[in-house]
Protein backbone atom coordinates (compact mmCIF):
# COMPACT_ATOMS: atom_id res chain seq x y z
CA MET A 1 53.79 -58.17 -80.40
CA THR A 2 51.52 -60.94 -79.14
CA ARG A 3 48.02 -61.41 -80.46
CA TRP A 4 46.53 -60.17 -77.19
CA LEU A 5 48.58 -56.98 -77.35
CA THR A 6 47.51 -56.49 -80.95
CA ALA A 7 43.86 -56.94 -80.01
CA LEU A 8 44.09 -54.53 -77.06
CA LEU A 9 46.26 -51.88 -78.73
CA PRO A 10 43.28 -50.03 -80.32
CA LEU A 11 41.62 -49.89 -76.89
CA ALA A 12 44.77 -48.47 -75.33
CA ILE A 13 44.97 -45.82 -78.05
CA LEU A 14 41.29 -44.97 -77.61
CA LEU A 15 41.75 -44.61 -73.85
CA ALA A 16 44.76 -42.36 -74.32
CA LEU A 17 42.92 -40.18 -76.83
CA SER A 18 39.94 -40.01 -74.45
CA VAL A 19 42.18 -38.70 -71.68
CA PHE A 20 43.55 -36.00 -73.99
CA ALA A 21 39.97 -35.21 -75.03
CA CYS A 22 39.03 -34.69 -71.38
CA LEU A 23 41.84 -32.20 -70.92
CA LEU A 24 41.05 -30.35 -74.13
CA GLY A 25 37.30 -30.58 -73.56
CA TYR A 26 37.57 -29.05 -70.12
CA GLY A 27 39.73 -26.23 -71.47
CA LEU A 28 37.16 -25.50 -74.17
CA PHE A 29 34.38 -25.63 -71.58
CA LEU A 30 36.13 -22.91 -69.58
CA LEU A 31 36.20 -20.77 -72.73
CA PHE A 32 32.62 -21.57 -73.77
CA PRO A 33 30.72 -22.45 -70.57
CA GLY A 34 27.32 -22.47 -72.29
CA VAL A 35 28.06 -25.78 -74.04
CA PRO A 36 27.74 -29.02 -72.00
CA LEU A 37 31.10 -30.46 -70.97
CA ASN A 38 30.27 -33.96 -72.23
CA GLN A 39 29.75 -32.60 -75.75
CA PHE A 40 33.22 -31.08 -75.77
CA ILE A 41 34.73 -34.36 -74.61
CA SER A 42 32.89 -36.51 -77.17
CA LYS A 43 33.65 -34.17 -80.08
CA ALA A 44 37.30 -33.84 -79.07
CA THR A 45 37.61 -37.63 -78.91
CA LEU A 46 36.18 -37.92 -82.42
CA VAL A 47 38.58 -35.28 -83.75
CA PHE A 48 41.56 -37.02 -82.15
CA LEU A 49 40.48 -40.35 -83.66
CA LEU A 50 40.30 -38.83 -87.13
CA LEU A 51 43.64 -37.05 -86.70
CA SER A 52 45.21 -40.35 -85.65
CA LEU A 53 44.59 -41.78 -89.13
CA VAL A 54 47.70 -40.18 -90.65
CA PRO A 55 50.27 -41.32 -88.04
CA ALA A 56 48.58 -44.74 -87.88
CA MET A 57 48.94 -45.15 -91.66
CA ARG A 58 52.62 -44.24 -91.44
CA TRP A 59 53.25 -46.59 -88.53
CA LEU A 60 51.51 -49.46 -90.33
CA THR A 61 53.10 -48.47 -93.68
CA LEU A 62 49.69 -48.25 -95.33
CA SER A 63 49.15 -46.24 -98.49
CA ARG A 64 45.89 -44.75 -99.74
CA GLN A 65 45.67 -47.66 -102.15
CA ASP A 66 46.09 -50.12 -99.27
CA LEU A 67 43.12 -48.53 -97.53
CA GLY A 68 41.03 -49.00 -100.64
CA PHE A 69 41.07 -45.52 -102.17
CA ALA A 70 41.14 -46.45 -105.84
CA ASN A 71 41.24 -43.93 -108.67
CA PRO A 72 38.12 -41.74 -108.80
CA GLY A 73 36.94 -43.34 -112.02
CA LEU A 74 36.60 -46.65 -110.16
CA PHE A 75 36.00 -45.47 -106.59
CA PHE A 76 32.90 -43.35 -107.09
CA PRO A 77 30.99 -45.84 -109.28
CA CYS A 78 31.61 -48.47 -106.59
CA ILE A 79 30.20 -46.09 -103.96
CA LEU A 80 26.99 -46.04 -106.03
CA LYS A 81 26.99 -49.84 -106.22
CA GLY A 82 27.51 -50.04 -102.47
CA PHE A 83 24.68 -47.56 -101.97
CA GLY A 84 22.39 -49.84 -103.95
CA LEU A 85 23.49 -52.79 -101.82
CA GLY A 86 22.69 -50.79 -98.69
CA ILE A 87 19.18 -50.01 -99.96
CA ILE A 88 18.53 -53.65 -100.81
CA THR A 89 19.76 -54.95 -97.46
CA LEU A 90 17.98 -52.54 -95.10
CA LEU A 91 14.78 -51.53 -96.92
CA PRO A 92 13.07 -54.91 -96.30
CA VAL A 93 13.63 -54.43 -92.55
CA ILE A 94 12.10 -50.95 -92.62
CA VAL A 95 9.11 -52.19 -94.61
CA LEU A 96 8.61 -55.12 -92.21
CA LEU A 97 8.78 -52.86 -89.16
CA TYR A 98 6.09 -50.70 -90.71
CA GLY A 99 3.99 -53.72 -91.63
CA LEU A 100 4.20 -55.07 -88.08
CA GLY A 101 3.16 -51.70 -86.66
CA VAL A 102 6.44 -51.14 -84.82
CA ASN A 103 7.04 -47.92 -86.71
CA VAL A 104 3.99 -45.80 -87.54
CA ILE A 105 3.73 -42.71 -89.72
CA ASP A 106 4.26 -39.49 -87.78
CA GLU A 107 1.03 -37.62 -88.53
CA THR A 108 2.11 -34.50 -86.64
CA HIS A 109 4.23 -33.43 -89.61
CA VAL A 110 2.66 -31.93 -92.71
CA TRP A 111 4.99 -32.70 -95.58
CA THR A 112 5.20 -30.89 -98.88
CA LEU A 113 7.19 -32.42 -101.72
CA GLY A 114 9.80 -29.68 -101.45
CA LYS A 115 10.19 -30.05 -97.69
CA LEU A 116 10.46 -33.83 -98.02
CA PHE A 117 13.21 -33.55 -100.63
CA ASP A 118 15.05 -31.02 -98.46
CA LYS A 119 14.96 -33.34 -95.45
CA LEU A 120 16.03 -36.37 -97.48
CA GLY A 121 18.77 -34.36 -99.18
CA VAL A 122 20.25 -33.13 -95.90
CA ALA A 123 20.01 -36.66 -94.49
CA LEU A 124 21.86 -38.00 -97.53
CA LEU A 125 24.68 -35.48 -97.17
CA LEU A 126 25.05 -36.30 -93.46
CA ALA A 127 25.01 -40.03 -94.24
CA LEU A 128 27.78 -39.64 -96.82
CA LEU A 129 29.84 -37.53 -94.42
CA ILE A 130 29.48 -40.09 -91.63
CA SER A 131 30.42 -43.00 -93.89
CA MET A 132 33.39 -41.14 -95.41
CA LEU A 133 34.73 -40.49 -91.90
CA GLU A 134 34.01 -43.85 -90.29
CA GLU A 135 34.90 -46.28 -93.07
CA PRO A 136 38.55 -45.25 -93.55
CA LEU A 137 38.94 -45.49 -89.76
CA PHE A 138 37.24 -48.82 -89.06
CA ARG A 139 37.33 -50.71 -92.38
CA GLY A 140 40.55 -49.00 -93.41
CA VAL A 141 43.27 -48.44 -90.82
CA LEU A 142 41.82 -50.52 -87.97
CA LEU A 143 40.83 -53.58 -90.01
CA LEU A 144 44.01 -53.68 -92.08
CA GLY A 145 46.19 -52.96 -89.05
CA LEU A 146 44.68 -55.86 -87.13
CA SER A 147 44.89 -58.17 -90.14
CA LYS A 148 48.67 -57.67 -90.26
CA LYS A 149 49.02 -59.56 -86.97
CA LEU A 150 45.79 -61.58 -86.72
CA SER A 151 43.78 -63.83 -88.98
CA ARG A 152 41.26 -62.16 -91.26
CA ALA A 153 38.35 -63.59 -89.26
CA ALA A 154 39.76 -62.25 -85.99
CA ALA A 155 40.52 -58.86 -87.56
CA VAL A 156 36.97 -58.55 -88.91
CA ALA A 157 35.42 -59.58 -85.58
CA LEU A 158 37.61 -57.27 -83.49
CA SER A 159 37.20 -54.25 -85.76
CA ALA A 160 33.43 -54.85 -85.72
CA GLY A 161 33.50 -55.02 -81.93
CA TYR A 162 35.37 -51.73 -81.65
CA TYR A 163 33.03 -50.16 -84.19
CA ALA A 164 29.93 -51.23 -82.25
CA ALA A 165 31.37 -50.29 -78.86
CA LEU A 166 32.35 -46.78 -79.91
CA HIS A 167 28.69 -45.94 -80.57
CA PHE A 168 27.89 -46.51 -76.89
CA ILE A 169 30.85 -44.90 -75.18
CA THR A 170 28.71 -41.95 -74.23
CA ASN A 171 27.52 -40.22 -71.10
CA LYS A 172 24.63 -37.76 -71.15
CA SER A 173 24.62 -37.23 -67.40
CA LYS A 174 24.35 -33.65 -66.19
CA ILE A 175 26.69 -32.53 -63.43
CA PRO A 176 25.73 -29.51 -61.27
CA ASP A 177 27.54 -26.32 -62.23
CA ALA A 178 29.21 -26.13 -58.83
CA GLU A 179 30.88 -29.52 -59.45
CA LEU A 180 32.09 -28.86 -63.00
CA ASP A 181 35.85 -29.09 -62.63
CA LEU A 182 38.54 -31.23 -64.26
CA THR A 183 37.62 -34.14 -62.00
CA ALA A 184 34.07 -33.98 -63.37
CA ALA A 185 35.44 -34.41 -66.89
CA PHE A 186 37.08 -37.69 -65.95
CA LYS A 187 33.94 -38.79 -64.10
CA LEU A 188 31.99 -38.25 -67.32
CA LEU A 189 34.60 -40.25 -69.20
CA ALA A 190 34.41 -43.13 -66.72
CA GLY A 191 30.63 -43.11 -66.96
CA ALA A 192 30.84 -43.20 -70.77
CA TYR A 193 32.93 -46.38 -70.72
CA ALA A 194 30.74 -47.86 -67.98
CA ASN A 195 27.78 -47.48 -70.35
CA LEU A 196 29.15 -50.44 -72.31
CA ALA A 197 27.94 -52.64 -69.45
CA ASN A 198 24.40 -51.25 -69.69
CA PRO A 199 22.09 -54.20 -70.56
CA GLU A 200 19.75 -51.83 -72.40
CA ILE A 201 22.23 -51.45 -75.25
CA THR A 202 22.53 -55.21 -75.89
CA SER A 203 20.26 -55.50 -78.92
CA ALA A 204 21.63 -52.34 -80.54
CA PHE A 205 25.20 -53.50 -79.86
CA LEU A 206 24.54 -56.89 -81.47
CA SER A 207 23.01 -55.16 -84.45
CA LEU A 208 25.99 -52.84 -84.95
CA LEU A 209 28.35 -55.77 -84.40
CA MET A 210 26.70 -57.58 -87.32
CA VAL A 211 26.90 -54.36 -89.35
CA GLY A 212 30.63 -54.19 -88.65
CA ILE A 213 31.17 -57.82 -89.62
CA PHE A 214 29.15 -57.38 -92.81
CA LEU A 215 31.15 -54.29 -93.83
CA GLY A 216 34.44 -55.90 -92.81
CA LEU A 217 33.86 -58.89 -95.06
CA LEU A 218 32.72 -56.59 -97.85
CA ARG A 219 35.94 -54.60 -97.48
CA LEU A 220 38.21 -57.65 -97.63
CA ARG A 221 36.31 -59.36 -100.43
CA ALA A 222 36.67 -56.59 -103.01
CA ARG A 223 39.62 -54.65 -104.40
CA THR A 224 37.42 -51.57 -104.18
CA GLY A 225 35.84 -52.75 -100.94
CA LEU A 226 36.24 -49.45 -99.12
CA ALA A 227 34.13 -47.69 -101.75
CA TRP A 228 31.47 -50.40 -101.44
CA CYS A 229 31.54 -49.95 -97.65
CA VAL A 230 31.20 -46.18 -97.91
CA GLY A 231 28.18 -46.50 -100.20
CA CYS A 232 26.52 -49.28 -98.21
CA HIS A 233 27.08 -47.50 -94.89
CA ALA A 234 25.74 -44.23 -96.31
CA ALA A 235 22.60 -45.95 -97.61
CA TRP A 236 21.92 -47.51 -94.21
CA VAL A 237 22.41 -44.24 -92.33
CA TRP A 238 20.27 -42.37 -94.87
CA GLN A 239 17.39 -44.83 -94.54
CA ILE A 240 17.57 -44.73 -90.74
CA LYS A 241 17.54 -40.92 -90.69
CA ALA A 242 14.63 -40.86 -93.15
CA THR A 243 12.74 -43.38 -91.01
CA LYS A 244 13.24 -41.24 -87.90
CA GLU A 245 11.86 -38.23 -89.78
CA LEU A 246 8.81 -40.00 -91.19
CA PHE A 247 7.89 -42.51 -88.49
CA ASN A 248 7.46 -42.86 -84.75
CA THR A 249 8.07 -46.04 -82.78
CA ASP A 250 4.86 -47.35 -81.22
CA PRO A 251 5.69 -48.17 -77.57
CA GLN A 252 2.59 -50.38 -77.37
CA SER A 253 3.56 -52.63 -80.28
CA PRO A 254 3.87 -56.32 -79.34
CA TYR A 255 6.91 -56.47 -81.63
CA LEU A 256 8.73 -53.61 -79.96
CA PHE A 257 11.49 -56.02 -78.91
CA LEU A 258 12.64 -56.17 -82.55
CA VAL A 259 14.11 -52.64 -82.34
CA SER A 260 16.19 -50.79 -79.79
CA SER A 261 15.73 -47.35 -78.36
CA TYR A 262 18.92 -46.30 -80.14
CA ASP A 263 17.22 -45.16 -83.34
CA GLY A 264 14.02 -47.15 -83.76
CA VAL A 265 15.48 -49.32 -86.55
CA ILE A 266 18.53 -51.27 -85.45
CA GLY A 267 18.00 -54.05 -82.96
CA LEU A 268 17.35 -57.78 -82.93
CA LEU A 269 15.63 -57.78 -86.32
CA VAL A 270 18.57 -56.11 -88.08
CA ALA A 271 21.03 -58.38 -86.25
CA ALA A 272 19.12 -61.51 -87.28
CA TRP A 273 18.62 -60.27 -90.85
CA LEU A 274 22.32 -59.57 -91.39
CA PHE A 275 23.28 -62.83 -89.69
CA LEU A 276 21.11 -64.73 -92.15
CA GLY A 277 22.71 -62.81 -95.00
CA LEU A 278 26.20 -63.65 -93.79
CA LEU A 279 25.20 -67.28 -93.27
CA GLY A 280 23.92 -67.43 -96.84
CA TYR A 281 27.18 -65.90 -98.06
CA TRP A 282 29.18 -68.52 -96.14
CA VAL A 283 27.10 -71.33 -97.66
CA PHE A 284 27.69 -69.81 -101.10
CA LEU A 285 31.46 -69.81 -100.58
CA LYS A 286 31.35 -73.48 -99.63
CA MET A 287 29.72 -74.38 -102.93
CA PRO A 288 32.23 -75.92 -105.41
CA SER A 289 30.87 -73.78 -108.24
CA ALA A 290 31.10 -70.49 -106.29
CA ASN A 291 32.91 -67.72 -108.09
CA ARG A 292 35.46 -66.51 -105.57
CA SER A 293 37.10 -63.91 -107.76
CA ASP A 294 37.13 -60.35 -106.47
CA TYR A 295 34.62 -57.93 -107.92
CA SER A 296 35.28 -54.31 -108.81
């Protein structure tokens, strides 16, 4: 298999799964017409992606240990360490956005301590669920599968690109009820992929690309890298969800360009911040005295 075929194989698999998701999504829509068709398609695609993990692992001859699932006594403490890393790396951005007036406190909500803890607790559970689903897929099977045929740098960059792109393969267009047939399902799918060419997603895409590169390097650097990635990813998602609950984005802020409309946090500032972090890490590795041993 050539390098180009290796690089494009995940896209081909994603396209094939999307087609199956259209067929299944339309069938479910006929059974439950009250739910928008595009939701069925997007959820079915996600389910197919997750189900593909098992056959992909067998095809690539990857074990749970290869993916980074260490024994629980080591795995879960490293999730906590990764969570701490995620807090350290994103909290300064959130504080700066508040200091610059990009994000302002939402005064329409009256918070009690109990209600605040409930919201933060639910957000934490969702963040952990998201990271436990996404990390084995992107920093597990995809990254390791690509690294079998490509250099580590290329594997990290490509897996990060797929990770970022998947967040924007979406189509929220509403099709009139009279036109909702199987053809409409494929029109929605085509529109979802066409959204990748939308210039409005550029800053958010660059931000998520840097996130993917950061997590990819973290995964390859450590023996328990997947656990670190799960924790770090969960901490980022948790902070973003908490920020969306507590703050509003000020559309009149002169620094509005630092964030995207995606979630009010990621954008050019996050992309630049993570780029500087990765640059500092690269400089550290070039130092003769750098300790290059893996950490646990």
